[in-house]
Protein backbone atom coordinates (compact mmCIF):
# COMPACT_ATOMS: atom_id res chain seq x y z
CA GLN A 1 -47.76 10.19 25.18
CA VAL A 2 -46.04 8.12 22.35
CA GLN A 3 -42.95 6.69 22.86
CA LEU A 4 -40.76 5.51 20.14
CA VAL A 5 -37.99 3.07 20.22
CA GLU A 6 -35.40 2.94 17.33
CA SER A 7 -32.77 -0.23 16.82
CA GLY A 8 -31.03 -1.82 14.15
CA GLY A 9 -27.98 0.57 14.08
CA GLY A 10 -24.50 -0.45 13.69
CA LEU A 11 -21.10 -0.62 11.45
CA VAL A 12 -21.39 -1.48 8.14
CA GLN A 13 -19.25 -1.38 5.13
CA ALA A 14 -20.03 0.46 2.09
CA GLY A 15 -22.45 -1.03 -0.09
CA GLY A 16 -24.13 -3.36 2.72
CA SER A 17 -27.28 -3.28 4.19
CA LEU A 18 -29.12 -2.60 7.64
CA ARG A 19 -32.90 -2.22 8.45
CA LEU A 20 -33.92 0.04 11.11
CA SER A 21 -36.65 -0.58 13.21
CA CYS A 22 -38.98 1.88 15.04
CA SER A 23 -41.48 0.30 17.42
CA ALA A 24 -44.35 2.57 18.81
CA SER A 25 -45.76 2.38 22.46
CA GLY A 26 -49.41 2.27 20.57
CA ARG A 27 -51.32 2.18 17.69
CA ILE A 28 -50.22 5.48 16.07
CA PHE A 29 -50.24 5.06 12.43
CA SER A 30 -54.09 6.28 11.75
CA THR A 31 -53.34 9.16 13.83
CA HIS A 32 -49.80 10.13 13.25
CA THR A 33 -47.44 10.59 10.33
CA ILE A 34 -44.44 8.80 10.37
CA ASP A 35 -40.89 9.62 9.37
CA TRP A 36 -37.10 8.90 9.66
CA TYR A 37 -34.88 11.19 10.03
CA ARG A 38 -31.18 11.51 10.15
CA GLN A 39 -28.51 13.57 11.71
CA ALA A 40 -24.62 13.90 10.89
CA PRO A 41 -21.75 15.52 12.59
CA GLY A 42 -22.11 18.97 12.18
CA LYS A 43 -24.84 18.93 10.01
CA GLN A 44 -28.61 19.93 10.51
CA ARG A 45 -31.39 17.10 11.02
CA GLU A 46 -32.57 15.96 7.68
CA VAL A 47 -35.69 14.00 6.73
CA VAL A 48 -34.82 10.80 5.16
CA ALA A 49 -38.44 8.90 4.56
CA SER A 50 -41.70 9.75 5.36
CA PHE A 51 -45.08 8.12 5.53
CA THR A 52 -47.27 10.82 4.31
CA ARG A 53 -50.80 12.00 5.55
CA ALA A 54 -52.50 10.04 2.73
CA GLY A 55 -50.45 7.07 3.56
CA SER A 56 -47.97 7.32 0.80
CA THR A 57 -44.11 7.33 0.81
CA MET A 58 -41.55 9.96 0.19
CA TYR A 59 -37.90 10.10 -0.08
CA ALA A 60 -34.98 12.32 0.10
CA ASP A 61 -33.24 12.42 -3.18
CA SER A 62 -30.10 11.04 -1.71
CA VAL A 63 -31.72 8.08 -0.72
CA LYS A 64 -34.05 7.07 -3.36
CA GLY A 65 -33.61 3.88 -5.04
CA ARG A 66 -31.45 2.68 -2.00
CA PHE A 67 -33.90 3.03 1.32
CA THR A 68 -37.31 1.62 1.72
CA ILE A 69 -39.70 2.57 4.76
CA SER A 70 -42.34 0.34 5.66
CA ARG A 71 -44.66 -0.67 8.31
CA ASP A 72 -46.02 -3.65 10.22
CA ASN A 73 -49.46 -2.38 11.87
CA ALA A 74 -49.85 -5.25 14.04
CA LYS A 75 -46.62 -4.60 15.59
CA ASN A 76 -46.94 -1.02 15.80
CA THR A 77 -43.27 -0.78 13.69
CA VAL A 78 -42.09 1.16 11.23
CA TYR A 79 -38.93 0.00 9.54
CA LEU A 80 -36.03 1.55 6.89
CA GLN A 81 -34.36 -0.96 5.03
CA MET A 82 -31.05 0.50 3.92
CA ASP A 83 -29.21 -0.81 0.86
CA SER A 84 -26.26 0.10 -1.01
CA LEU A 85 -24.99 2.13 1.91
CA LYS A 86 -22.40 4.70 1.39
CA PRO A 87 -20.23 6.61 3.84
CA GLU A 88 -21.85 9.66 3.52
CA ASP A 89 -25.19 7.77 5.17
CA THR A 90 -23.14 7.87 8.23
CA ALA A 91 -25.69 9.39 11.02
CA VAL A 92 -27.67 9.15 13.85
CA TYR A 93 -31.10 8.05 12.66
CA TYR A 94 -34.31 9.04 14.52
CA CYS A 95 -37.79 7.86 14.29
CA HIS A 96 -40.35 10.81 14.31
CA ALA A 97 -44.06 10.71 14.62
CA ARG A 98 -46.40 13.81 13.76
CA SER A 99 -50.10 13.85 15.47
CA LEU A 100 -52.78 14.67 12.50
CA LEU A 101 -55.19 15.69 15.26
CA SER A 102 -52.96 18.09 17.41
CA THR A 103 -49.33 19.92 17.43
CA GLU A 104 -47.60 17.16 19.12
CA GLN A 105 -44.68 15.24 18.07
CA TYR A 106 -42.43 12.55 19.40
CA TRP A 107 -38.97 11.74 18.65
CA GLY A 108 -36.75 8.45 19.31
CA GLN A 109 -33.82 8.22 21.04
CA GLY A 110 -31.84 7.82 17.79
CA THR A 111 -29.69 4.85 16.53
CA GLN A 112 -26.27 5.11 14.95
CA VAL A 113 -25.42 4.15 11.53
CA THR A 114 -21.88 3.90 10.60
CA VAL A 115 -20.44 3.33 6.84
CA SER A 116 -17.09 2.32 6.29
CA SER A 117 -15.42 3.14 3.08
């Protein structure tokens, strides 16, 4: 069983920055893909940034050039650096892990990001 715990959300003014962290309960990076999703009120959950199976990174068009996903293998932690934040980035952000060996997937509890104009 994989546990994911997000942190780092908060309230920030437009143009500001936040760094989200996702701490995993074990060494999962070699056996799971890792994504950051977000869900705004009244909207569907959408993927924001991902580490692919090959280890490369992918971003939603809406965040390209502003968000950066990274990881620290030694700390079993994935980060989402968010710069030049906009009010439309306001959402609950979730860390997600999908097993490469089975159909299992895991979600963190989410962390709220609010960007004021």
